[in-house]
Amino acid sequence: MKNKTLPLALIFFSLILILLNFILQGNELDTGFWMRISSSVLLILAMLVTLHGQKKQK
């Protein structure tokens, strides 16, 4: 149960951070903004791969 909950929680919080970045950033879409977005997306992809690997293992 814990193995599945943590990746799902990280995906959820990463999505919230992406939305907050778009809302709070405003018109300034500089390099730092895109780096934060890309790191959140990569974290989501890593957690999806982890969930897929755990599902395959069982």
Protein backbone atom coordinates (compact mmCIF):
# COMPACT_ATOMS: atom_id res chain seq x y z
CA MET A 1 0.00 0.00 0.00
CA LYS A 2 2.79 2.43 0.95
CA ASN A 3 4.70 1.63 -2.25
CA LYS A 4 1.78 2.85 -4.35
CA THR A 5 0.75 5.83 -2.21
CA LEU A 6 4.04 7.73 -2.26
CA PRO A 7 4.40 7.91 -6.08
CA LEU A 8 0.76 8.95 -6.43
CA ALA A 9 1.22 11.68 -3.81
CA LEU A 10 4.32 12.97 -5.61
CA ILE A 11 2.43 13.06 -8.92
CA PHE A 12 -0.43 14.97 -7.28
CA PHE A 13 1.85 17.54 -5.63
CA SER A 14 3.88 17.99 -8.83
CA LEU A 15 0.71 18.79 -10.75
CA ILE A 16 -0.24 21.34 -8.10
CA LEU A 17 3.22 22.93 -8.34
CA ILE A 18 2.94 23.17 -12.13
CA LEU A 19 -0.43 24.92 -11.83
CA LEU A 20 0.90 27.29 -9.17
CA ASN A 21 3.91 28.12 -11.33
CA PHE A 22 1.62 29.13 -14.20
CA ILE A 23 -0.72 31.12 -11.95
CA LEU A 24 1.89 32.96 -9.87
CA GLN A 25 4.50 33.57 -12.55
CA GLY A 26 2.38 35.91 -14.64
CA ASN A 27 3.96 37.17 -17.86
CA GLU A 28 7.58 36.39 -17.00
CA LEU A 29 8.33 33.11 -18.77
CA ASP A 30 12.09 33.04 -18.37
CA THR A 31 14.48 30.09 -18.26
CA GLY A 32 13.93 29.47 -14.55
CA PHE A 33 10.21 29.09 -15.13
CA TRP A 34 10.70 26.45 -17.81
CA MET A 35 13.28 24.61 -15.72
CA ARG A 36 10.81 24.36 -12.82
CA ILE A 37 8.08 23.09 -15.15
CA SER A 38 10.39 20.56 -16.82
CA SER A 39 11.63 19.23 -13.47
CA SER A 40 8.06 18.70 -12.30
CA VAL A 41 7.19 16.93 -15.55
CA LEU A 42 10.25 14.69 -15.26
CA LEU A 43 9.30 13.84 -11.67
CA ILE A 44 5.81 12.87 -12.82
CA LEU A 45 7.25 10.68 -15.58
CA ALA A 46 9.63 8.99 -13.14
CA MET A 47 6.78 8.20 -10.75
CA LEU A 48 4.66 6.81 -13.59
CA VAL A 49 7.53 4.53 -14.62
CA THR A 50 7.92 3.46 -10.98
CA LEU A 51 4.22 2.63 -10.70
CA HIS A 52 4.35 0.71 -13.98
CA GLY A 53 7.39 -1.26 -12.81
CA GLN A 54 5.73 -2.14 -9.51
CA LYS A 55 2.58 -3.24 -11.32
CA LYS A 56 4.61 -5.43 -13.66
CA GLN A 57 6.49 -6.99 -10.75
CA LYS A 58 3.29 -8.21 -9.11
